[in-house]
Amino acid sequence: MQIRKGIETDIPAIVELLKSSLGEEMIQKSESLWNWKHVENPHGASPVLVAEADGQIVGVRAFLRWQWKYQGQVLQAIRAVDTATHPDYQGKGIFKKLTLQGLADAKEAGIHLVYNTPNKSSKPGYLKMGWVEMGRMALKLKVNPLAYKKQVEPKAPVQDWGKLQELLHNLSNPLRNEKQVHTLVSPEYITWRYQYNPLFNYFFLSDFTSYALFYRIKPHSFGNEMRIVDVLTDKATFTKYSQQHLQDAFKQLNKRCFLTSASGRHFELVRGVYPGMGFLPTLGKGPIVTLKNVSLAGNQFEELQQQQQWGYSLGDMELF
């Protein structure tokens, strides 16, 4: 068996392996999705490793590139995502071999850290390979009992992405001058992440002058969830009037949603930017986040293990 870097011509076989190994109940696999996610990502193309046996790809490990900003420094990171092993080759250590080779390649490429949100079954394996647990993602939730069981998706305002594009150059994360870790945002990133996302329909609220709030509607048996994934502002023009404009637009949607969710960390740090999110406390009920140091100084990595050093939005951490 050979471990090697994945190449473009491997993509059809990789997609078929993902389908046969992971199924498509949660996410439909396709070459176009793979290319959007791992080739067109403005943070950089994903490092991909494959295991090959008898001319057949029997294992794959992809690491999604991501750029974070932390106290003026750009952190080059990768997220351990699409992983699969052919059913006939499971139990042969392929996952571990691909992961360890990926870490070695990451160090050589100047990557600073790896992060991911493992499930209960995969977390022990990561911890054995040196990952550390940062804790659960914090969530800010708002409940609207009047929308319980209502299944009609709220109508979004006019989505003029072309007009929004003119504003994106002026928008940034409200955390831009703070010390917490947050995604390096660019117009190209926003367009890729939300406008052209092939998995989910994302929408935005904006006055086309001072802010943009990005969200998606997720249906549940109990009703609709409005998931706030990003809030960006133009500090120079975001005023109390802008905040009231956002609040009014938010209310029109929110009254048709039983649940509204947002990142508890981002909300706590810039709560003055968010529309009214109710009185429920921030809860540590999100997925578990784990980290692996690749090339950071030990003291800096120790800092990053603390939740208070992070200001991620749901869009930063959402699986896709």
C-alpha atoms as a PDB file:
ATOM      1  CA  MET A   1       0.000   0.000   0.000  1.00  0.00           C
ATOM      2  CA  GLN A   2       1.252   3.485  -0.923  1.00  0.00           C
ATOM      3  CA  ILE A   3       0.486   6.801   0.813  1.00  0.00           C
ATOM      4  CA  ARG A   4       0.775   9.719  -1.613  1.00  0.00           C
ATOM      5  CA  LYS A   5      -0.564  13.202  -2.300  1.00  0.00           C
ATOM      6  CA  GLY A   6      -3.865  13.321  -4.113  1.00  0.00           C
ATOM      7  CA  ILE A   7      -3.934  14.826  -7.598  1.00  0.00           C
ATOM      8  CA  GLU A   8      -6.697  16.216  -9.820  1.00  0.00           C
ATOM      9  CA  THR A   9      -7.243  12.982 -11.703  1.00  0.00           C
ATOM     10  CA  ASP A  10      -7.941  11.214  -8.372  1.00  0.00           C
ATOM     11  CA  ILE A  11     -11.075  13.267  -7.697  1.00  0.00           C
ATOM     12  CA  PRO A  12     -13.640  10.945  -9.352  1.00  0.00           C
ATOM     13  CA  ALA A  13     -12.278   7.933  -7.429  1.00  0.00           C
ATOM     14  CA  ILE A  14     -12.149   9.932  -4.184  1.00  0.00           C
ATOM     15  CA  VAL A  15     -15.781  10.972  -4.551  1.00  0.00           C
ATOM     16  CA  GLU A  16     -16.844   7.364  -5.193  1.00  0.00           C
ATOM     17  CA  LEU A  17     -14.900   6.249  -2.113  1.00  0.00           C
ATOM     18  CA  LEU A  18     -16.638   8.892   0.021  1.00  0.00           C
ATOM     19  CA  LYS A  19     -20.014   7.733  -1.279  1.00  0.00           C
ATOM     20  CA  SER A  20     -19.363   4.043  -0.609  1.00  0.00           C
ATOM     21  CA  SER A  21     -17.764   4.601   2.773  1.00  0.00           C
ATOM     22  CA  LEU A  22     -19.796   7.461   4.263  1.00  0.00           C
ATOM     23  CA  GLY A  23     -23.061   7.371   2.337  1.00  0.00           C
ATOM     24  CA  GLU A  24     -25.043  10.416   1.265  1.00  0.00           C
ATOM     25  CA  GLU A  25     -27.772  10.681   3.886  1.00  0.00           C
ATOM     26  CA  MET A  26     -26.344  13.881   5.379  1.00  0.00           C
ATOM     27  CA  ILE A  27     -24.506  15.425   2.418  1.00  0.00           C
ATOM     28  CA  GLN A  28     -24.649  14.534  -1.262  1.00  0.00           C
ATOM     29  CA  LYS A  29     -21.155  13.887  -2.616  1.00  0.00           C
ATOM     30  CA  SER A  30     -20.108  15.107  -6.041  1.00  0.00           C
ATOM     31  CA  GLU A  31     -17.071  16.276  -7.967  1.00  0.00           C
ATOM     32  CA  SER A  32     -18.461  19.818  -8.118  1.00  0.00           C
ATOM     33  CA  LEU A  33     -18.860  19.885  -4.329  1.00  0.00           C
ATOM     34  CA  TRP A  34     -15.329  18.571  -3.868  1.00  0.00           C
ATOM     35  CA  ASN A  35     -13.919  21.218  -6.205  1.00  0.00           C
ATOM     36  CA  TRP A  36     -15.847  24.031  -4.497  1.00  0.00           C
ATOM     37  CA  LYS A  37     -14.683  22.912  -1.082  1.00  0.00           C
ATOM     38  CA  HIS A  38     -11.121  21.762  -1.696  1.00  0.00           C
ATOM     39  CA  VAL A  39      -9.949  23.529  -4.856  1.00  0.00           C
ATOM     40  CA  GLU A  40     -11.765  26.885  -5.027  1.00  0.00           C
ATOM     41  CA  ASN A  41     -11.444  27.804  -1.323  1.00  0.00           C
ATOM     42  CA  PRO A  42      -9.903  31.323  -1.201  1.00  0.00           C
ATOM     43  CA  HIS A  43      -7.898  30.318   1.886  1.00  0.00           C
ATOM     44  CA  GLY A  44      -6.062  27.861  -0.353  1.00  0.00           C
ATOM     45  CA  ALA A  45      -6.444  24.431  -1.915  1.00  0.00           C
ATOM     46  CA  SER A  46      -6.785  21.567   0.564  1.00  0.00           C
ATOM     47  CA  PRO A  47      -3.863  19.225   1.162  1.00  0.00           C
ATOM     48  CA  VAL A  48      -5.179  15.777   0.208  1.00  0.00           C
ATOM     49  CA  LEU A  49      -3.593  12.394   0.871  1.00  0.00           C
ATOM     50  CA  VAL A  50      -4.711   9.060  -0.530  1.00  0.00           C
ATOM     51  CA  ALA A  51      -3.875   5.459   0.258  1.00  0.00           C
ATOM     52  CA  GLU A  52      -3.513   3.332  -2.867  1.00  0.00           C
ATOM     53  CA  ALA A  53      -3.475  -0.462  -3.083  1.00  0.00           C
ATOM     54  CA  ASP A  54      -3.337  -2.493  -6.299  1.00  0.00           C
ATOM     55  CA  GLY A  55      -4.004   0.624  -8.340  1.00  0.00           C
ATOM     56  CA  GLN A  56      -7.150   1.464  -6.354  1.00  0.00           C
ATOM     57  CA  ILE A  57      -7.672   4.369  -3.954  1.00  0.00           C
ATOM     58  CA  VAL A  58      -8.697   2.758  -0.662  1.00  0.00           C
ATOM     59  CA  GLY A  59      -8.289   5.698   1.712  1.00  0.00           C
ATOM     60  CA  VAL A  60      -8.478   9.488   1.602  1.00  0.00           C
ATOM     61  CA  ARG A  61      -7.749  12.299   4.053  1.00  0.00           C
ATOM     62  CA  ALA A  62      -8.472  15.930   3.146  1.00  0.00           C
ATOM     63  CA  PHE A  63      -7.520  18.938   5.262  1.00  0.00           C
ATOM     64  CA  LEU A  64      -9.526  22.103   4.599  1.00  0.00           C
ATOM     65  CA  ARG A  65      -7.329  25.213   4.569  1.00  0.00           C
ATOM     66  CA  TRP A  66      -8.377  28.092   6.837  1.00  0.00           C
ATOM     67  CA  GLN A  67      -6.813  31.413   7.799  1.00  0.00           C
ATOM     68  CA  TRP A  68      -7.394  32.891  11.242  1.00  0.00           C
ATOM     69  CA  LYS A  69      -6.274  36.262  12.588  1.00  0.00           C
ATOM     70  CA  TYR A  70      -4.872  36.380  16.099  1.00  0.00           C
ATOM     71  CA  GLN A  71      -3.416  39.527  17.625  1.00  0.00           C
ATOM     72  CA  GLY A  72      -2.245  40.807  14.245  1.00  0.00           C
ATOM     73  CA  GLN A  73      -0.863  37.468  13.076  1.00  0.00           C
ATOM     74  CA  VAL A  74      -2.380  35.338  10.327  1.00  0.00           C
ATOM     75  CA  LEU A  75      -2.553  31.744  11.525  1.00  0.00           C
ATOM     76  CA  GLN A  76      -2.374  29.178   8.758  1.00  0.00           C
ATOM     77  CA  ALA A  77      -4.630  26.311   9.798  1.00  0.00           C
ATOM     78  CA  ILE A  78      -6.127  23.150   8.412  1.00  0.00           C
ATOM     79  CA  ARG A  79      -9.338  21.428   9.446  1.00  0.00           C
ATOM     80  CA  ALA A  80      -9.458  17.651   9.419  1.00  0.00           C
ATOM     81  CA  VAL A  81     -12.534  16.972   7.295  1.00  0.00           C
ATOM     82  CA  ASP A  82     -13.365  14.465   4.530  1.00  0.00           C
ATOM     83  CA  THR A  83     -11.944  11.103   5.543  1.00  0.00           C
ATOM     84  CA  ALA A  84     -12.852   7.672   4.271  1.00  0.00           C
ATOM     85  CA  THR A  85     -11.467   4.135   4.145  1.00  0.00           C
ATOM     86  CA  HIS A  86     -12.748   1.454   1.793  1.00  0.00           C
ATOM     87  CA  PRO A  87     -14.787  -1.118   3.766  1.00  0.00           C
ATOM     88  CA  ASP A  88     -12.417  -3.938   2.679  1.00  0.00           C
ATOM     89  CA  TYR A  89      -9.416  -2.083   4.113  1.00  0.00           C
ATOM     90  CA  GLN A  90     -10.767  -0.885   7.421  1.00  0.00           C
ATOM     91  CA  GLY A  91      -8.861  -1.881  10.552  1.00  0.00           C
ATOM     92  CA  LYS A  92      -5.484  -1.684   8.805  1.00  0.00           C
ATOM     93  CA  GLY A  93      -4.400   1.638  10.295  1.00  0.00           C
ATOM     94  CA  ILE A  94      -4.996   3.672   7.132  1.00  0.00           C
ATOM     95  CA  PHE A  95      -6.667   6.541   9.009  1.00  0.00           C
ATOM     96  CA  LYS A  96      -3.684   6.914  11.347  1.00  0.00           C
ATOM     97  CA  LYS A  97      -1.116   6.647   8.563  1.00  0.00           C
ATOM     98  CA  LEU A  98      -2.863   9.311   6.492  1.00  0.00           C
ATOM     99  CA  THR A  99      -3.248  11.596   9.504  1.00  0.00           C
ATOM    100  CA  LEU A 100       0.378  11.351  10.648  1.00  0.00           C
ATOM    101  CA  GLN A 101       1.639  11.907   7.101  1.00  0.00           C
ATOM    102  CA  GLY A 102      -0.717  14.875   6.822  1.00  0.00           C
ATOM    103  CA  LEU A 103       0.756  16.401   9.994  1.00  0.00           C
ATOM    104  CA  ALA A 104       4.298  15.949   8.685  1.00  0.00           C
ATOM    105  CA  ASP A 105       3.369  17.576   5.371  1.00  0.00           C
ATOM    106  CA  ALA A 106       1.577  20.411   7.196  1.00  0.00           C
ATOM    107  CA  LYS A 107       4.672  21.278   9.226  1.00  0.00           C
ATOM    108  CA  GLU A 108       6.780  21.356   6.077  1.00  0.00           C
ATOM    109  CA  ALA A 109       4.190  23.649   4.423  1.00  0.00           C
ATOM    110  CA  GLY A 110       4.237  26.167   7.284  1.00  0.00           C
ATOM    111  CA  ILE A 111       0.859  25.282   8.788  1.00  0.00           C
ATOM    112  CA  HIS A 112       0.495  26.470  12.386  1.00  0.00           C
ATOM    113  CA  LEU A 113      -2.295  24.278  13.774  1.00  0.00           C
ATOM    114  CA  VAL A 114      -5.041  21.771  13.048  1.00  0.00           C
ATOM    115  CA  TYR A 115      -8.570  22.107  14.418  1.00  0.00           C
ATOM    116  CA  ASN A 116     -11.692  20.017  14.107  1.00  0.00           C
ATOM    117  CA  THR A 117     -14.951  19.044  15.794  1.00  0.00           C
ATOM    118  CA  PRO A 118     -14.814  15.246  16.195  1.00  0.00           C
ATOM    119  CA  ASN A 119     -17.737  13.068  17.217  1.00  0.00           C
ATOM    120  CA  LYS A 120     -17.708  10.703  20.189  1.00  0.00           C
ATOM    121  CA  SER A 121     -16.338   7.799  18.182  1.00  0.00           C
ATOM    122  CA  SER A 122     -13.475   9.673  16.514  1.00  0.00           C
ATOM    123  CA  LYS A 123     -12.380  11.886  19.421  1.00  0.00           C
ATOM    124  CA  PRO A 124     -10.413   9.202  21.334  1.00  0.00           C
ATOM    125  CA  GLY A 125      -8.306   8.494  18.245  1.00  0.00           C
ATOM    126  CA  TYR A 126      -7.427  12.151  17.857  1.00  0.00           C
ATOM    127  CA  LEU A 127      -6.498  12.506  21.523  1.00  0.00           C
ATOM    128  CA  LYS A 128      -4.150   9.499  21.215  1.00  0.00           C
ATOM    129  CA  MET A 129      -2.415  11.253  18.311  1.00  0.00           C
ATOM    130  CA  GLY A 130      -1.769  14.405  20.333  1.00  0.00           C
ATOM    131  CA  TRP A 131      -4.880  16.517  19.816  1.00  0.00           C
ATOM    132  CA  VAL A 132      -6.091  18.465  22.861  1.00  0.00           C
ATOM    133  CA  GLU A 133      -9.680  19.239  23.762  1.00  0.00           C
ATOM    134  CA  MET A 134     -10.566  22.937  23.931  1.00  0.00           C
ATOM    135  CA  GLY A 135     -14.134  22.353  25.104  1.00  0.00           C
ATOM    136  CA  ARG A 136     -17.560  22.713  23.598  1.00  0.00           C
ATOM    137  CA  MET A 137     -18.554  25.547  21.308  1.00  0.00           C
ATOM    138  CA  ALA A 138     -20.661  28.147  23.075  1.00  0.00           C
ATOM    139  CA  LEU A 139     -24.116  28.827  21.612  1.00  0.00           C
ATOM    140  CA  LYS A 140     -26.484  31.751  22.040  1.00  0.00           C
ATOM    141  CA  LEU A 141     -30.089  30.640  21.568  1.00  0.00           C
ATOM    142  CA  LYS A 142     -33.393  32.456  21.342  1.00  0.00           C
ATOM    143  CA  VAL A 143     -36.727  30.636  21.503  1.00  0.00           C
ATOM    144  CA  ASN A 144     -39.995  31.929  20.064  1.00  0.00           C
ATOM    145  CA  PRO A 145     -42.855  29.715  21.383  1.00  0.00           C
ATOM    146  CA  LEU A 146     -45.339  31.367  19.008  1.00  0.00           C
ATOM    147  CA  ALA A 147     -43.551  29.753  16.043  1.00  0.00           C
ATOM    148  CA  TYR A 148     -43.587  26.215  17.468  1.00  0.00           C
ATOM    149  CA  LYS A 149     -44.219  23.630  14.732  1.00  0.00           C
ATOM    150  CA  LYS A 150     -44.522  26.312  12.036  1.00  0.00           C
ATOM    151  CA  GLN A 151     -42.871  24.807   8.979  1.00  0.00           C
ATOM    152  CA  VAL A 152     -43.270  27.574   6.392  1.00  0.00           C
ATOM    153  CA  GLU A 153     -39.864  29.049   5.644  1.00  0.00           C
ATOM    154  CA  PRO A 154     -39.787  32.807   6.268  1.00  0.00           C
ATOM    155  CA  LYS A 155     -39.436  34.869   3.119  1.00  0.00           C
ATOM    156  CA  ALA A 156     -36.057  36.534   2.779  1.00  0.00           C
ATOM    157  CA  PRO A 157     -35.754  40.171   1.715  1.00  0.00           C
ATOM    158  CA  VAL A 158     -34.550  40.854  -1.823  1.00  0.00           C
ATOM    159  CA  GLN A 159     -31.157  39.189  -2.215  1.00  0.00           C
ATOM    160  CA  ASP A 160     -29.145  41.539  -4.405  1.00  0.00           C
ATOM    161  CA  TRP A 161     -25.720  39.893  -4.208  1.00  0.00           C
ATOM    162  CA  GLY A 162     -24.362  42.222  -6.889  1.00  0.00           C
ATOM    163  CA  LYS A 163     -25.225  45.277  -4.824  1.00  0.00           C
ATOM    164  CA  LEU A 164     -23.852  43.609  -1.694  1.00  0.00           C
ATOM    165  CA  GLN A 165     -20.587  42.907  -3.514  1.00  0.00           C
ATOM    166  CA  GLU A 166     -19.979  46.654  -3.723  1.00  0.00           C
ATOM    167  CA  LEU A 167     -20.204  46.864   0.071  1.00  0.00           C
ATOM    168  CA  LEU A 168     -18.090  43.838   0.985  1.00  0.00           C
ATOM    169  CA  HIS A 169     -14.782  45.677   0.610  1.00  0.00           C
ATOM    170  CA  ASN A 170     -15.846  47.971   3.468  1.00  0.00           C
ATOM    171  CA  LEU A 171     -17.103  45.228   5.782  1.00  0.00           C
ATOM    172  CA  SER A 172     -15.137  43.290   8.343  1.00  0.00           C
ATOM    173  CA  ASN A 173     -15.601  41.269  11.480  1.00  0.00           C
ATOM    174  CA  PRO A 174     -16.471  43.578  14.415  1.00  0.00           C
ATOM    175  CA  LEU A 175     -13.671  41.733  16.248  1.00  0.00           C
ATOM    176  CA  ARG A 176     -11.017  43.036  13.848  1.00  0.00           C
ATOM    177  CA  ASN A 177      -9.356  45.220  16.507  1.00  0.00           C
ATOM    178  CA  GLU A 178      -9.787  42.735  19.342  1.00  0.00           C
ATOM    179  CA  LYS A 179      -7.371  40.070  20.552  1.00  0.00           C
ATOM    180  CA  GLN A 180      -9.552  37.033  19.925  1.00  0.00           C
ATOM    181  CA  VAL A 181      -9.044  34.588  17.051  1.00  0.00           C
ATOM    182  CA  HIS A 182     -11.358  35.200  14.111  1.00  0.00           C
ATOM    183  CA  THR A 183     -11.479  34.224  10.437  1.00  0.00           C
ATOM    184  CA  LEU A 184      -9.559  36.321   7.938  1.00  0.00           C
ATOM    185  CA  VAL A 185     -12.484  37.724   5.960  1.00  0.00           C
ATOM    186  CA  SER A 186     -12.330  38.980   2.373  1.00  0.00           C
ATOM    187  CA  PRO A 187     -14.974  39.637  -0.313  1.00  0.00           C
ATOM    188  CA  GLU A 188     -13.744  36.497  -2.072  1.00  0.00           C
ATOM    189  CA  TYR A 189     -14.247  34.457   1.092  1.00  0.00           C
ATOM    190  CA  ILE A 190     -17.806  35.742   1.653  1.00  0.00           C
ATOM    191  CA  THR A 191     -18.760  35.094  -1.973  1.00  0.00           C
ATOM    192  CA  TRP A 192     -17.332  31.569  -1.874  1.00  0.00           C
ATOM    193  CA  ARG A 193     -18.625  30.670   1.574  1.00  0.00           C
ATOM    194  CA  TYR A 194     -22.201  31.979   1.303  1.00  0.00           C
ATOM    195  CA  GLN A 195     -23.237  33.090  -2.179  1.00  0.00           C
ATOM    196  CA  TYR A 196     -21.969  30.048  -4.071  1.00  0.00           C
ATOM    197  CA  ASN A 197     -22.227  27.391  -1.368  1.00  0.00           C
ATOM    198  CA  PRO A 198     -23.680  24.308  -3.123  1.00  0.00           C
ATOM    199  CA  LEU A 199     -24.903  22.634   0.074  1.00  0.00           C
ATOM    200  CA  PHE A 200     -27.134  25.204   1.749  1.00  0.00           C
ATOM    201  CA  ASN A 201     -29.029  28.336   0.767  1.00  0.00           C
ATOM    202  CA  TYR A 202     -27.589  31.269   2.660  1.00  0.00           C
ATOM    203  CA  PHE A 203     -29.303  34.652   2.843  1.00  0.00           C
ATOM    204  CA  PHE A 204     -28.376  38.060   4.188  1.00  0.00           C
ATOM    205  CA  LEU A 205     -29.850  41.117   5.831  1.00  0.00           C
ATOM    206  CA  SER A 206     -28.212  44.406   4.899  1.00  0.00           C
ATOM    207  CA  ASP A 207     -28.820  48.111   4.515  1.00  0.00           C
ATOM    208  CA  PHE A 208     -26.134  48.040   1.748  1.00  0.00           C
ATOM    209  CA  THR A 209     -24.296  50.750   3.672  1.00  0.00           C
ATOM    210  CA  SER A 210     -23.040  49.570   7.044  1.00  0.00           C
ATOM    211  CA  TYR A 211     -23.698  45.892   7.792  1.00  0.00           C
ATOM    212  CA  ALA A 212     -24.468  42.413   6.504  1.00  0.00           C
ATOM    213  CA  LEU A 213     -25.866  39.586   8.615  1.00  0.00           C
ATOM    214  CA  PHE A 214     -25.653  36.161   6.973  1.00  0.00           C
ATOM    215  CA  TYR A 215     -27.974  33.333   7.947  1.00  0.00           C
ATOM    216  CA  ARG A 216     -29.640  30.155   6.804  1.00  0.00           C
ATOM    217  CA  ILE A 217     -32.944  28.527   7.711  1.00  0.00           C
ATOM    218  CA  LYS A 218     -32.717  24.959   8.983  1.00  0.00           C
ATOM    219  CA  PRO A 219     -36.028  23.065   9.270  1.00  0.00           C
ATOM    220  CA  HIS A 220     -36.673  20.835  12.301  1.00  0.00           C
ATOM    221  CA  SER A 221     -39.656  18.857  13.558  1.00  0.00           C
ATOM    222  CA  PHE A 222     -40.246  21.602  16.140  1.00  0.00           C
ATOM    223  CA  GLY A 223     -40.141  24.381  13.546  1.00  0.00           C
ATOM    224  CA  ASN A 224     -37.597  26.530  11.769  1.00  0.00           C
ATOM    225  CA  GLU A 225     -34.180  27.463  13.080  1.00  0.00           C
ATOM    226  CA  MET A 226     -32.630  30.742  11.962  1.00  0.00           C
ATOM    227  CA  ARG A 227     -28.893  30.126  12.153  1.00  0.00           C
ATOM    228  CA  ILE A 228     -26.867  33.359  12.219  1.00  0.00           C
ATOM    229  CA  VAL A 229     -23.537  32.417  10.671  1.00  0.00           C
ATOM    230  CA  ASP A 230     -21.775  35.775  10.299  1.00  0.00           C
ATOM    231  CA  VAL A 231     -22.227  39.433  11.163  1.00  0.00           C
ATOM    232  CA  LEU A 232     -19.997  41.985   9.413  1.00  0.00           C
ATOM    233  CA  THR A 233     -19.985  45.750   9.799  1.00  0.00           C
ATOM    234  CA  ASP A 234     -18.383  48.908   8.488  1.00  0.00           C
ATOM    235  CA  LYS A 235     -17.216  50.481  11.716  1.00  0.00           C
ATOM    236  CA  ALA A 236     -17.242  53.970  10.206  1.00  0.00           C
ATOM    237  CA  THR A 237     -20.909  53.873   9.221  1.00  0.00           C
ATOM    238  CA  PHE A 238     -22.530  51.368  11.624  1.00  0.00           C
ATOM    239  CA  THR A 239     -24.597  53.630  13.874  1.00  0.00           C
ATOM    240  CA  LYS A 240     -27.583  53.306  16.208  1.00  0.00           C
ATOM    241  CA  TYR A 241     -29.750  53.897  13.146  1.00  0.00           C
ATOM    242  CA  SER A 242     -28.029  50.961  11.418  1.00  0.00           C
ATOM    243  CA  GLN A 243     -28.596  48.784  14.443  1.00  0.00           C
ATOM    244  CA  GLN A 244     -32.292  49.677  14.473  1.00  0.00           C
ATOM    245  CA  HIS A 245     -32.515  48.895  10.765  1.00  0.00           C
ATOM    246  CA  LEU A 246     -30.981  45.484  11.428  1.00  0.00           C
ATOM    247  CA  GLN A 247     -33.311  44.903  14.368  1.00  0.00           C
ATOM    248  CA  ASP A 248     -36.406  45.667  12.289  1.00  0.00           C
ATOM    249  CA  ALA A 249     -35.322  43.383   9.433  1.00  0.00           C
ATOM    250  CA  PHE A 250     -34.425  40.638  11.907  1.00  0.00           C
ATOM    251  CA  LYS A 251     -37.831  40.779  13.600  1.00  0.00           C
ATOM    252  CA  GLN A 252     -39.647  40.185  10.322  1.00  0.00           C
ATOM    253  CA  LEU A 253     -37.819  36.882   9.897  1.00  0.00           C
ATOM    254  CA  ASN A 254     -37.475  35.893  13.511  1.00  0.00           C
ATOM    255  CA  LYS A 255     -41.188  35.879  14.269  1.00  0.00           C
ATOM    256  CA  ARG A 256     -41.559  32.866  11.951  1.00  0.00           C
ATOM    257  CA  CYS A 257     -38.703  30.889  13.550  1.00  0.00           C
ATOM    258  CA  PHE A 258     -39.043  28.833  16.710  1.00  0.00           C
ATOM    259  CA  LEU A 259     -35.288  28.866  17.337  1.00  0.00           C
ATOM    260  CA  THR A 260     -32.540  31.355  16.545  1.00  0.00           C
ATOM    261  CA  SER A 261     -28.921  30.361  17.067  1.00  0.00           C
ATOM    262  CA  ALA A 262     -25.618  32.213  16.982  1.00  0.00           C
ATOM    263  CA  SER A 263     -22.074  31.717  18.219  1.00  0.00           C
ATOM    264  CA  GLY A 264     -21.986  32.362  21.933  1.00  0.00           C
ATOM    265  CA  ARG A 265     -18.369  33.541  21.769  1.00  0.00           C
ATOM    266  CA  HIS A 266     -18.980  36.039  18.972  1.00  0.00           C
ATOM    267  CA  PHE A 267     -22.204  37.258  20.561  1.00  0.00           C
ATOM    268  CA  GLU A 268     -20.572  37.819  23.950  1.00  0.00           C
ATOM    269  CA  LEU A 269     -17.709  39.795  22.452  1.00  0.00           C
ATOM    270  CA  VAL A 270     -19.716  42.056  20.109  1.00  0.00           C
ATOM    271  CA  ARG A 271     -23.247  41.776  21.492  1.00  0.00           C
ATOM    272  CA  GLY A 272     -23.916  45.438  20.720  1.00  0.00           C
ATOM    273  CA  VAL A 273     -23.842  44.585  17.008  1.00  0.00           C
ATOM    274  CA  TYR A 274     -26.347  41.731  17.156  1.00  0.00           C
ATOM    275  CA  PRO A 275     -30.121  42.214  17.013  1.00  0.00           C
ATOM    276  CA  GLY A 276     -32.127  41.239  20.109  1.00  0.00           C
ATOM    277  CA  MET A 277     -31.318  37.643  21.063  1.00  0.00           C
ATOM    278  CA  GLY A 278     -33.469  37.243  24.160  1.00  0.00           C
ATOM    279  CA  PHE A 279     -32.503  36.494  27.729  1.00  0.00           C
ATOM    280  CA  LEU A 280     -31.351  32.873  27.649  1.00  0.00           C
ATOM    281  CA  PRO A 281     -27.740  32.569  28.862  1.00  0.00           C
ATOM    282  CA  THR A 282     -24.971  31.445  26.554  1.00  0.00           C
ATOM    283  CA  LEU A 283     -24.683  27.666  26.760  1.00  0.00           C
ATOM    284  CA  GLY A 284     -21.707  25.383  26.167  1.00  0.00           C
ATOM    285  CA  LYS A 285     -23.814  22.923  24.188  1.00  0.00           C
ATOM    286  CA  GLY A 286     -22.151  22.961  20.782  1.00  0.00           C
ATOM    287  CA  PRO A 287     -19.735  20.426  19.276  1.00  0.00           C
ATOM    288  CA  ILE A 288     -16.446  19.645  21.008  1.00  0.00           C
ATOM    289  CA  VAL A 289     -13.489  21.497  19.485  1.00  0.00           C
ATOM    290  CA  THR A 290     -10.041  19.886  19.417  1.00  0.00           C
ATOM    291  CA  LEU A 291      -6.692  21.366  18.414  1.00  0.00           C
ATOM    292  CA  LYS A 292      -3.309  20.008  17.363  1.00  0.00           C
ATOM    293  CA  ASN A 293      -0.157  22.088  17.396  1.00  0.00           C
ATOM    294  CA  VAL A 294       1.929  21.895  14.245  1.00  0.00           C
ATOM    295  CA  SER A 295       4.484  24.693  14.377  1.00  0.00           C
ATOM    296  CA  LEU A 296       3.414  27.245  17.000  1.00  0.00           C
ATOM    297  CA  ALA A 297       5.546  28.114  20.005  1.00  0.00           C
ATOM    298  CA  GLY A 298       4.426  26.143  23.038  1.00  0.00           C
ATOM    299  CA  ASN A 299       3.259  29.182  25.015  1.00  0.00           C
ATOM    300  CA  GLN A 300       1.180  30.484  22.104  1.00  0.00           C
ATOM    301  CA  PHE A 301      -0.500  27.123  21.597  1.00  0.00           C
ATOM    302  CA  GLU A 302      -1.311  27.016  25.316  1.00  0.00           C
ATOM    303  CA  GLU A 303      -3.056  30.377  24.915  1.00  0.00           C
ATOM    304  CA  LEU A 304      -5.106  29.048  22.006  1.00  0.00           C
ATOM    305  CA  GLN A 305      -6.377  26.136  24.079  1.00  0.00           C
ATOM    306  CA  GLN A 306      -8.404  28.631  26.124  1.00  0.00           C
ATOM    307  CA  GLN A 307     -11.940  29.351  24.880  1.00  0.00           C
ATOM    308  CA  GLN A 308     -11.655  33.033  25.798  1.00  0.00           C
ATOM    309  CA  GLN A 309      -8.974  33.485  23.134  1.00  0.00           C
ATOM    310  CA  TRP A 310     -11.461  32.648  20.376  1.00  0.00           C
ATOM    311  CA  GLY A 311     -14.188  34.737  18.793  1.00  0.00           C
ATOM    312  CA  TYR A 312     -15.437  32.379  16.088  1.00  0.00           C
ATOM    313  CA  SER A 313     -18.813  32.782  14.402  1.00  0.00           C
ATOM    314  CA  LEU A 314     -21.014  29.806  13.522  1.00  0.00           C
ATOM    315  CA  GLY A 315     -19.965  30.298   9.905  1.00  0.00           C
ATOM    316  CA  ASP A 316     -16.358  29.771  10.907  1.00  0.00           C
ATOM    317  CA  MET A 317     -17.066  26.452  12.606  1.00  0.00           C
ATOM    318  CA  GLU A 318     -20.067  25.062  10.733  1.00  0.00           C
ATOM    319  CA  LEU A 319     -19.490  21.726   9.038  1.00  0.00           C
ATOM    320  CA  PHE A 320     -20.003  21.746   5.281  1.00  0.00           C
END
